[in-house]
C-alpha atoms as a PDB file:
ATOM      1  CA  MET A   1     -52.043  31.364 -23.801  1.00  0.00           C
ATOM      2  CA  GLN A   2     -50.234  27.180 -24.612  1.00  0.00           C
ATOM      3  CA  SER A   3     -49.115  26.199 -21.203  1.00  0.00           C
ATOM      4  CA  GLY A   4     -45.227  26.569 -20.775  1.00  0.00           C
ATOM      5  CA  LEU A   5     -42.522  28.391 -20.197  1.00  0.00           C
ATOM      6  CA  TYR A   6     -41.761  31.151 -21.418  1.00  0.00           C
ATOM      7  CA  ILE A   7     -37.745  32.444 -21.803  1.00  0.00           C
ATOM      8  CA  VAL A   8     -38.512  36.489 -22.490  1.00  0.00           C
ATOM      9  CA  GLY A   9     -35.563  39.122 -23.441  1.00  0.00           C
ATOM     10  CA  THR A  10     -36.526  42.204 -22.096  1.00  0.00           C
ATOM     11  CA  PRO A  11     -34.126  46.030 -22.167  1.00  0.00           C
ATOM     12  CA  ILE A  12     -30.595  46.367 -21.116  1.00  0.00           C
ATOM     13  CA  GLY A  13     -31.524  49.785 -20.810  1.00  0.00           C
ATOM     14  CA  ASN A  14     -33.325  51.760 -23.529  1.00  0.00           C
ATOM     15  CA  LEU A  15     -37.285  50.489 -22.826  1.00  0.00           C
ATOM     16  CA  GLY A  16     -38.069  51.343 -26.722  1.00  0.00           C
ATOM     17  CA  ASP A  17     -36.738  47.758 -27.506  1.00  0.00           C
ATOM     18  CA  MET A  18     -39.669  46.112 -25.819  1.00  0.00           C
ATOM     19  CA  SER A  19     -41.158  44.317 -28.348  1.00  0.00           C
ATOM     20  CA  PRO A  20     -45.102  44.462 -28.917  1.00  0.00           C
ATOM     21  CA  ARG A  21     -44.746  40.678 -28.972  1.00  0.00           C
ATOM     22  CA  ALA A  22     -43.014  40.098 -25.220  1.00  0.00           C
ATOM     23  CA  ILE A  23     -45.869  43.158 -23.687  1.00  0.00           C
ATOM     24  CA  GLU A  24     -48.705  40.414 -24.893  1.00  0.00           C
ATOM     25  CA  THR A  25     -46.510  38.085 -23.613  1.00  0.00           C
ATOM     26  CA  LEU A  26     -46.223  39.065 -20.205  1.00  0.00           C
ATOM     27  CA  ARG A  27     -49.766  40.067 -20.060  1.00  0.00           C
ATOM     28  CA  GLY A  28     -50.731  37.036 -20.918  1.00  0.00           C
ATOM     29  CA  CYS A  29     -49.321  34.573 -19.139  1.00  0.00           C
ATOM     30  CA  ASP A  30     -50.528  33.348 -15.818  1.00  0.00           C
ATOM     31  CA  THR A  31     -47.123  34.257 -14.360  1.00  0.00           C
ATOM     32  CA  ILE A  32     -43.792  36.044 -14.716  1.00  0.00           C
ATOM     33  CA  ALA A  33     -40.579  34.883 -12.767  1.00  0.00           C
ATOM     34  CA  CYS A  34     -38.034  37.799 -12.091  1.00  0.00           C
ATOM     35  CA  GLU A  35     -34.663  38.125 -10.981  1.00  0.00           C
ATOM     36  CA  ASP A  36     -36.117  40.966  -8.545  1.00  0.00           C
ATOM     37  CA  THR A  37     -39.374  41.945  -8.539  1.00  0.00           C
ATOM     38  CA  ARG A  38     -38.535  45.499  -6.971  1.00  0.00           C
ATOM     39  CA  VAL A  39     -36.655  46.097 -10.771  1.00  0.00           C
ATOM     40  CA  PHE A  40     -39.358  44.238 -12.694  1.00  0.00           C
ATOM     41  CA  GLY A  41     -42.151  46.354 -11.259  1.00  0.00           C
ATOM     42  CA  LYS A  42     -41.053  49.698 -12.407  1.00  0.00           C
ATOM     43  CA  LEU A  43     -40.807  47.792 -16.254  1.00  0.00           C
ATOM     44  CA  ALA A  44     -44.733  46.100 -15.477  1.00  0.00           C
ATOM     45  CA  ALA A  45     -45.657  49.636 -14.742  1.00  0.00           C
ATOM     46  CA  HIS A  46     -44.643  51.218 -17.801  1.00  0.00           C
ATOM     47  CA  PHE A  47     -46.042  48.906 -19.740  1.00  0.00           C
ATOM     48  CA  ASP A  48     -49.246  48.316 -17.829  1.00  0.00           C
ATOM     49  CA  ILE A  49     -48.110  44.015 -17.296  1.00  0.00           C
ATOM     50  CA  LYS A  50     -50.433  42.952 -13.878  1.00  0.00           C
ATOM     51  CA  THR A  51     -49.587  39.762 -14.031  1.00  0.00           C
ATOM     52  CA  ARG A  52     -48.672  38.337 -10.778  1.00  0.00           C
ATOM     53  CA  ARG A  53     -45.263  38.106 -10.128  1.00  0.00           C
ATOM     54  CA  ILE A  54     -42.316  35.843  -8.324  1.00  0.00           C
ATOM     55  CA  ALA A  55     -38.603  36.429  -7.512  1.00  0.00           C
ATOM     56  CA  MET A  56     -36.904  34.021  -8.843  1.00  0.00           C
ATOM     57  CA  HIS A  57     -33.209  34.312  -8.411  1.00  0.00           C
ATOM     58  CA  GLU A  58     -29.920  32.470  -8.215  1.00  0.00           C
ATOM     59  CA  HIS A  59     -30.105  31.543  -4.263  1.00  0.00           C
ATOM     60  CA  ASN A  60     -34.126  30.449  -4.798  1.00  0.00           C
ATOM     61  CA  GLU A  61     -34.214  28.955  -8.290  1.00  0.00           C
ATOM     62  CA  ARG A  62     -33.259  24.768  -7.147  1.00  0.00           C
ATOM     63  CA  GLU A  63     -36.586  25.217  -4.663  1.00  0.00           C
ATOM     64  CA  VAL A  64     -38.873  27.471  -6.954  1.00  0.00           C
ATOM     65  CA  ALA A  65     -38.265  25.595 -10.047  1.00  0.00           C
ATOM     66  CA  GLY A  66     -39.674  21.884  -9.444  1.00  0.00           C
ATOM     67  CA  ASP A  67     -43.524  24.330  -8.544  1.00  0.00           C
ATOM     68  CA  LEU A  68     -42.867  26.164 -11.525  1.00  0.00           C
ATOM     69  CA  VAL A  69     -42.869  22.679 -13.442  1.00  0.00           C
ATOM     70  CA  GLU A  70     -45.724  21.518 -11.649  1.00  0.00           C
ATOM     71  CA  LYS A  71     -47.417  24.626 -11.952  1.00  0.00           C
ATOM     72  CA  ILE A  72     -46.404  24.015 -16.504  1.00  0.00           C
ATOM     73  CA  ARG A  73     -47.884  21.137 -16.261  1.00  0.00           C
ATOM     74  CA  ASP A  74     -51.540  22.038 -14.083  1.00  0.00           C
ATOM     75  CA  GLY A  75     -51.679  23.703 -17.809  1.00  0.00           C
ATOM     76  CA  ALA A  76     -50.488  27.533 -16.578  1.00  0.00           C
ATOM     77  CA  ALA A  77     -47.728  29.582 -18.887  1.00  0.00           C
ATOM     78  CA  VAL A  78     -45.009  30.539 -17.341  1.00  0.00           C
ATOM     79  CA  ALA A  79     -42.652  33.544 -18.057  1.00  0.00           C
ATOM     80  CA  ILE A  80     -39.285  34.090 -17.063  1.00  0.00           C
ATOM     81  CA  VAL A  81     -37.774  37.569 -17.227  1.00  0.00           C
ATOM     82  CA  SER A  82     -34.205  38.697 -15.560  1.00  0.00           C
ATOM     83  CA  ASP A  83     -33.242  41.728 -14.593  1.00  0.00           C
ATOM     84  CA  SER A  84     -32.624  43.159 -18.271  1.00  0.00           C
ATOM     85  CA  GLY A  85     -31.168  41.113 -21.486  1.00  0.00           C
ATOM     86  CA  MET A  86     -31.926  37.714 -22.210  1.00  0.00           C
ATOM     87  CA  PRO A  87     -32.716  34.635 -18.856  1.00  0.00           C
ATOM     88  CA  THR A  88     -30.194  32.215 -19.146  1.00  0.00           C
ATOM     89  CA  ILE A  89     -27.184  34.207 -19.912  1.00  0.00           C
ATOM     90  CA  SER A  90     -25.221  34.669 -16.936  1.00  0.00           C
ATOM     91  CA  ASP A  91     -28.685  35.385 -15.280  1.00  0.00           C
ATOM     92  CA  PRO A  92     -30.967  32.628 -13.734  1.00  0.00           C
ATOM     93  CA  GLY A  93     -33.162  30.846 -15.672  1.00  0.00           C
ATOM     94  CA  PHE A  94     -30.713  28.006 -16.889  1.00  0.00           C
ATOM     95  CA  ARG A  95     -31.845  25.283 -14.810  1.00  0.00           C
ATOM     96  CA  LEU A  96     -35.784  25.310 -15.284  1.00  0.00           C
ATOM     97  CA  VAL A  97     -35.081  25.548 -18.761  1.00  0.00           C
ATOM     98  CA  ARG A  98     -33.319  21.994 -18.688  1.00  0.00           C
ATOM     99  CA  GLU A  99     -36.353  20.811 -15.464  1.00  0.00           C
ATOM    100  CA  CYS A 100     -39.109  21.667 -18.182  1.00  0.00           C
ATOM    101  CA  ARG A 101     -37.087  20.133 -20.868  1.00  0.00           C
ATOM    102  CA  ALA A 102     -36.647  16.770 -18.231  1.00  0.00           C
ATOM    103  CA  ALA A 103     -40.840  16.613 -17.700  1.00  0.00           C
ATOM    104  CA  GLY A 104     -40.978  17.019 -22.008  1.00  0.00           C
ATOM    105  CA  LEU A 105     -43.044  20.768 -21.384  1.00  0.00           C
ATOM    106  CA  PRO A 106     -42.979  23.187 -23.531  1.00  0.00           C
ATOM    107  CA  VAL A 107     -40.435  26.090 -23.407  1.00  0.00           C
ATOM    108  CA  PHE A 108     -40.426  28.961 -25.871  1.00  0.00           C
ATOM    109  CA  VAL A 109     -38.237  32.273 -26.464  1.00  0.00           C
ATOM    110  CA  VAL A 110     -39.923  35.471 -27.189  1.00  0.00           C
ATOM    111  CA  PRO A 111     -35.861  36.520 -27.983  1.00  0.00           C
ATOM    112  CA  GLY A 112     -34.568  40.387 -26.728  1.00  0.00           C
ATOM    113  CA  PRO A 113     -31.095  42.376 -26.327  1.00  0.00           C
ATOM    114  CA  THR A 114     -28.080  40.202 -25.202  1.00  0.00           C
ATOM    115  CA  ALA A 115     -25.342  42.207 -23.840  1.00  0.00           C
ATOM    116  CA  ALA A 116     -22.431  39.889 -25.000  1.00  0.00           C
ATOM    117  CA  ILE A 117     -24.047  40.688 -28.669  1.00  0.00           C
ATOM    118  CA  SER A 118     -24.914  43.905 -29.057  1.00  0.00           C
ATOM    119  CA  ALA A 119     -21.220  44.678 -27.324  1.00  0.00           C
ATOM    120  CA  LEU A 120     -19.495  42.120 -30.319  1.00  0.00           C
ATOM    121  CA  ALA A 121     -21.580  43.802 -32.608  1.00  0.00           C
ATOM    122  CA  LEU A 122     -19.641  47.062 -31.502  1.00  0.00           C
ATOM    123  CA  GLY A 123     -16.412  46.464 -31.335  1.00  0.00           C
ATOM    124  CA  GLY A 124     -15.636  46.150 -35.073  1.00  0.00           C
ATOM    125  CA  PHE A 125     -13.362  42.770 -33.975  1.00  0.00           C
ATOM    126  CA  PRO A 126     -14.617  39.215 -35.787  1.00  0.00           C
ATOM    127  CA  THR A 127     -17.757  37.832 -35.100  1.00  0.00           C
ATOM    128  CA  ASP A 128     -17.925  34.122 -37.089  1.00  0.00           C
ATOM    129  CA  ARG A 129     -15.931  32.789 -34.469  1.00  0.00           C
ATOM    130  CA  PHE A 130     -16.771  33.900 -30.625  1.00  0.00           C
ATOM    131  CA  THR A 131     -16.286  32.808 -26.737  1.00  0.00           C
ATOM    132  CA  PHE A 132     -18.665  34.351 -24.146  1.00  0.00           C
ATOM    133  CA  CYS A 133     -16.966  33.530 -21.070  1.00  0.00           C
ATOM    134  CA  GLY A 134     -19.977  35.187 -18.678  1.00  0.00           C
ATOM    135  CA  PHE A 135     -18.264  37.642 -15.636  1.00  0.00           C
ATOM    136  CA  PHE A 136     -14.384  37.721 -15.530  1.00  0.00           C
ATOM    137  CA  LYS A 137     -13.348  35.402 -12.730  1.00  0.00           C
ATOM    138  CA  ASP A 138      -9.397  36.011 -12.114  1.00  0.00           C
ATOM    139  CA  GLU A 139      -6.105  35.798 -13.908  1.00  0.00           C
ATOM    140  CA  LYS A 140      -6.468  31.138 -12.885  1.00  0.00           C
ATOM    141  CA  HIS A 141      -9.147  31.414 -15.886  1.00  0.00           C
ATOM    142  CA  LEU A 142      -7.784  34.899 -17.799  1.00  0.00           C
ATOM    143  CA  ARG A 143      -4.423  32.467 -18.668  1.00  0.00           C
ATOM    144  CA  GLU A 144      -6.254  29.247 -19.359  1.00  0.00           C
ATOM    145  CA  ASP A 145      -8.725  31.913 -22.019  1.00  0.00           C
ATOM    146  CA  ASN A 146      -5.965  33.035 -23.754  1.00  0.00           C
ATOM    147  CA  LYS A 147      -5.567  29.916 -24.960  1.00  0.00           C
ATOM    148  CA  ILE A 148      -8.615  30.747 -27.258  1.00  0.00           C
ATOM    149  CA  ARG A 149      -7.578  32.305 -30.263  1.00  0.00           C
ATOM    150  CA  HIS A 150     -11.008  33.870 -31.184  1.00  0.00           C
ATOM    151  CA  THR A 151     -12.933  36.942 -29.557  1.00  0.00           C
ATOM    152  CA  ILE A 152     -13.544  36.187 -26.337  1.00  0.00           C
ATOM    153  CA  ILE A 153     -16.746  38.587 -24.322  1.00  0.00           C
ATOM    154  CA  TYR A 154     -16.889  39.112 -21.073  1.00  0.00           C
ATOM    155  CA  TYR A 155     -19.193  41.078 -18.474  1.00  0.00           C
ATOM    156  CA  GLU A 156     -17.060  43.128 -15.548  1.00  0.00           C
ATOM    157  CA  SER A 157     -17.880  45.144 -12.676  1.00  0.00           C
ATOM    158  CA  PRO A 158     -17.541  48.933 -13.928  1.00  0.00           C
ATOM    159  CA  ALA A 159     -15.334  48.951  -9.988  1.00  0.00           C
ATOM    160  CA  ARG A 160     -13.230  45.848 -11.256  1.00  0.00           C
ATOM    161  CA  VAL A 161     -12.130  47.212 -14.775  1.00  0.00           C
ATOM    162  CA  ALA A 162      -8.847  49.357 -14.057  1.00  0.00           C
ATOM    163  CA  ASP A 163      -7.693  45.636 -12.779  1.00  0.00           C
ATOM    164  CA  THR A 164      -8.718  43.109 -15.494  1.00  0.00           C
ATOM    165  CA  LEU A 165      -6.792  45.876 -17.588  1.00  0.00           C
ATOM    166  CA  ALA A 166      -4.043  45.236 -15.951  1.00  0.00           C
ATOM    167  CA  LEU A 167      -4.342  41.926 -15.729  1.00  0.00           C
ATOM    168  CA  LEU A 168      -4.936  41.965 -20.188  1.00  0.00           C
ATOM    169  CA  ALA A 169      -1.357  43.865 -20.039  1.00  0.00           C
ATOM    170  CA  ARG A 170       0.419  41.952 -18.664  1.00  0.00           C
ATOM    171  CA  ILE A 171      -1.027  38.614 -19.949  1.00  0.00           C
ATOM    172  CA  MET A 172      -2.765  39.839 -23.555  1.00  0.00           C
ATOM    173  CA  PRO A 173      -0.476  42.356 -24.190  1.00  0.00           C
ATOM    174  CA  GLU A 174      -1.082  41.929 -28.338  1.00  0.00           C
ATOM    175  CA  ARG A 175      -4.935  41.883 -28.320  1.00  0.00           C
ATOM    176  CA  ARG A 176      -6.779  44.953 -28.402  1.00  0.00           C
ATOM    177  CA  ILE A 177     -10.120  45.017 -26.795  1.00  0.00           C
ATOM    178  CA  ALA A 178     -13.700  47.376 -26.908  1.00  0.00           C
ATOM    179  CA  ILE A 179     -14.642  48.687 -23.295  1.00  0.00           C
ATOM    180  CA  VAL A 180     -18.166  48.936 -24.243  1.00  0.00           C
ATOM    181  CA  ARG A 181     -20.222  50.583 -21.464  1.00  0.00           C
ATOM    182  CA  GLU A 182     -24.357  51.511 -20.854  1.00  0.00           C
ATOM    183  CA  ILE A 183     -24.866  49.855 -24.379  1.00  0.00           C
ATOM    184  CA  THR A 184     -28.758  51.711 -25.812  1.00  0.00           C
ATOM    185  CA  LYS A 185     -28.217  54.350 -23.092  1.00  0.00           C
ATOM    186  CA  ILE A 186     -27.290  57.543 -22.607  1.00  0.00           C
ATOM    187  CA  HIS A 187     -23.798  57.558 -22.637  1.00  0.00           C
ATOM    188  CA  GLU A 188     -23.259  54.489 -24.477  1.00  0.00           C
ATOM    189  CA  GLU A 189     -19.482  54.666 -25.420  1.00  0.00           C
ATOM    190  CA  THR A 190     -16.849  52.172 -27.212  1.00  0.00           C
ATOM    191  CA  ILE A 191     -12.955  52.695 -26.159  1.00  0.00           C
ATOM    192  CA  ILE A 192     -10.714  50.433 -28.290  1.00  0.00           C
ATOM    193  CA  GLY A 193      -6.987  49.661 -28.249  1.00  0.00           C
ATOM    194  CA  TYR A 194      -4.105  47.854 -26.390  1.00  0.00           C
ATOM    195  CA  PRO A 195      -4.970  46.904 -23.136  1.00  0.00           C
ATOM    196  CA  SER A 196      -1.959  49.124 -21.563  1.00  0.00           C
ATOM    197  CA  GLU A 197      -3.485  52.049 -23.613  1.00  0.00           C
ATOM    198  CA  LEU A 198      -7.043  52.029 -22.315  1.00  0.00           C
ATOM    199  CA  LEU A 199      -5.000  51.211 -17.997  1.00  0.00           C
ATOM    200  CA  ALA A 200      -4.472  55.661 -18.215  1.00  0.00           C
ATOM    201  CA  HIS A 201      -8.488  55.833 -19.023  1.00  0.00           C
ATOM    202  CA  GLY A 202      -9.201  55.986 -14.792  1.00  0.00           C
ATOM    203  CA  ASP A 203     -13.412  56.535 -14.515  1.00  0.00           C
ATOM    204  CA  TRP A 204     -15.141  53.061 -15.589  1.00  0.00           C
ATOM    205  CA  ARG A 205     -18.859  53.873 -14.683  1.00  0.00           C
ATOM    206  CA  GLY A 206     -22.286  52.074 -15.411  1.00  0.00           C
ATOM    207  CA  GLU A 207     -22.914  48.702 -17.105  1.00  0.00           C
ATOM    208  CA  ILE A 208     -19.473  47.365 -18.605  1.00  0.00           C
ATOM    209  CA  VAL A 209     -18.473  44.384 -21.803  1.00  0.00           C
ATOM    210  CA  ILE A 210     -15.573  43.645 -22.522  1.00  0.00           C
ATOM    211  CA  VAL A 211     -14.758  42.346 -26.211  1.00  0.00           C
ATOM    212  CA  ILE A 212     -10.870  41.156 -26.982  1.00  0.00           C
ATOM    213  CA  GLU A 213      -9.967  41.107 -30.203  1.00  0.00           C
ATOM    214  CA  PRO A 214      -8.375  37.040 -31.923  1.00  0.00           C
ATOM    215  CA  ALA A 215      -5.411  36.958 -30.741  1.00  0.00           C
ATOM    216  CA  PRO A 216      -2.415  37.671 -34.381  1.00  0.00           C
ATOM    217  CA  GLU A 217      -1.681  35.368 -36.943  1.00  0.00           C
ATOM    218  CA  THR A 218       1.603  37.497 -37.054  1.00  0.00           C
ATOM    219  CA  LYS A 219       5.014  35.704 -34.990  1.00  0.00           C
ATOM    220  CA  MET A 220       5.433  37.649 -32.432  1.00  0.00           C
ATOM    221  CA  SER A 221       9.147  39.127 -32.197  1.00  0.00           C
ATOM    222  CA  ASP A 222      11.410  37.034 -30.272  1.00  0.00           C
ATOM    223  CA  LEU A 223      11.973  39.358 -27.882  1.00  0.00           C
ATOM    224  CA  GLU A 224       8.086  39.758 -27.587  1.00  0.00           C
ATOM    225  CA  ILE A 225       8.719  36.023 -26.754  1.00  0.00           C
ATOM    226  CA  SER A 226      11.083  36.687 -24.194  1.00  0.00           C
ATOM    227  CA  GLU A 227       8.917  38.697 -21.950  1.00  0.00           C
ATOM    228  CA  VAL A 228       6.541  35.979 -22.565  1.00  0.00           C
ATOM    229  CA  VAL A 229       7.864  33.110 -21.219  1.00  0.00           C
ATOM    230  CA  ARG A 230       9.319  35.219 -18.281  1.00  0.00           C
ATOM    231  CA  ASP A 231       6.426  36.013 -17.255  1.00  0.00           C
ATOM    232  CA  VAL A 232       4.585  31.734 -18.081  1.00  0.00           C
ATOM    233  CA  VAL A 233       7.320  30.627 -16.262  1.00  0.00           C
ATOM    234  CA  GLY A 234       6.820  32.577 -13.383  1.00  0.00           C
ATOM    235  CA  SER A 235       3.913  31.584 -12.702  1.00  0.00           C
ATOM    236  CA  ALA A 236       3.629  28.147 -14.561  1.00  0.00           C
ATOM    237  CA  LYS A 237       3.544  24.962 -12.192  1.00  0.00           C
ATOM    238  CA  ASN A 238       6.193  22.923 -14.240  1.00  0.00           C
ATOM    239  CA  THR A 239       8.003  22.760 -17.526  1.00  0.00           C
ATOM    240  CA  LYS A 240       4.722  21.044 -19.460  1.00  0.00           C
ATOM    241  CA  SER A 241       2.190  23.670 -18.742  1.00  0.00           C
ATOM    242  CA  ALA A 242       4.798  26.289 -19.292  1.00  0.00           C
ATOM    243  CA  ALA A 243       5.397  24.956 -22.731  1.00  0.00           C
ATOM    244  CA  ALA A 244       1.887  24.828 -23.524  1.00  0.00           C
ATOM    245  CA  ALA A 245       1.300  28.145 -22.451  1.00  0.00           C
ATOM    246  CA  ILE A 246       4.219  29.910 -24.146  1.00  0.00           C
ATOM    247  CA  ALA A 247       2.406  28.319 -26.994  1.00  0.00           C
ATOM    248  CA  ALA A 248      -0.821  29.058 -26.874  1.00  0.00           C
ATOM    249  CA  ARG A 249       0.270  32.719 -26.130  1.00  0.00           C
ATOM    250  CA  THR A 250       2.981  33.099 -28.610  1.00  0.00           C
ATOM    251  CA  GLY A 251       2.319  30.665 -31.633  1.00  0.00           C
ATOM    252  CA  MET A 252       4.605  28.295 -31.590  1.00  0.00           C
ATOM    253  CA  SER A 253       4.848  25.111 -31.599  1.00  0.00           C
ATOM    254  CA  LYS A 254       5.165  23.367 -27.713  1.00  0.00           C
ATOM    255  CA  SER A 255       8.946  21.402 -28.654  1.00  0.00           C
ATOM    256  CA  GLU A 256       9.836  24.958 -29.794  1.00  0.00           C
ATOM    257  CA  ALA A 257       7.964  26.415 -26.547  1.00  0.00           C
ATOM    258  CA  TYR A 258       9.845  23.200 -24.681  1.00  0.00           C
ATOM    259  CA  GLU A 259      13.187  24.080 -26.116  1.00  0.00           C
ATOM    260  CA  ARG A 260      12.700  28.326 -25.022  1.00  0.00           C
ATOM    261  CA  VAL A 261      11.613  26.902 -21.312  1.00  0.00           C
ATOM    262  CA  ILE A 262      14.592  25.205 -20.647  1.00  0.00           C
ATOM    263  CA  LYS A 263      17.152  27.370 -22.167  1.00  0.00           C
ATOM    264  CA  LYS A 264      15.657  29.503 -19.763  1.00  0.00           C
END
């Protein structure tokens, strides 16, 4: 194999999605950097991959990346894999890629499944523009993300879905969402509805992706706008920030939003 770094995508659930090229690359390279060597060990055993592997995760990537760059510089072919899906996508790897680029070393990709893109396709919402925001963080970030008017994608833990739905019902009540779980696995499921509707679904298990439809283009009713104003004013730092948040959520101009805040 040509010396360089190989970013290798692996299945996100169904082993049948492992590509022949990925298997060939992982068998033929000199070293495989794994997010978790034990997790990759199961995949390696299934596909008879016996290549030497080392651990490279979020806690040691900075240290390991330097050593791997030196190996590649000396002529080695190094592959990187995450526990599932594409490395670097909300998983370790981008620092290693960045260091290889800075050193002028070859970087190749062996594409594989990605949960975010698969969920986007399953949701049925517009795909011409979308923003992947990684793992869901908190209310502060959600309010900021609500300024994004096109499709939004989050990863989420099943233990936090109910709390996240409650926030979405309060901050983005007018936007439908798709909760996609266990993609490519036996219990794959896509549930679509408004956040308030999905709150009644109390049993969320498995790997979960949340896809949020674009903000509606139709104007909100005066009552709906009043509800948004009450919600925003209660948490905004000042009148200016409140007006900006209201404008983002309702589609009205900032000057109109400012007037609503003043009148309140």
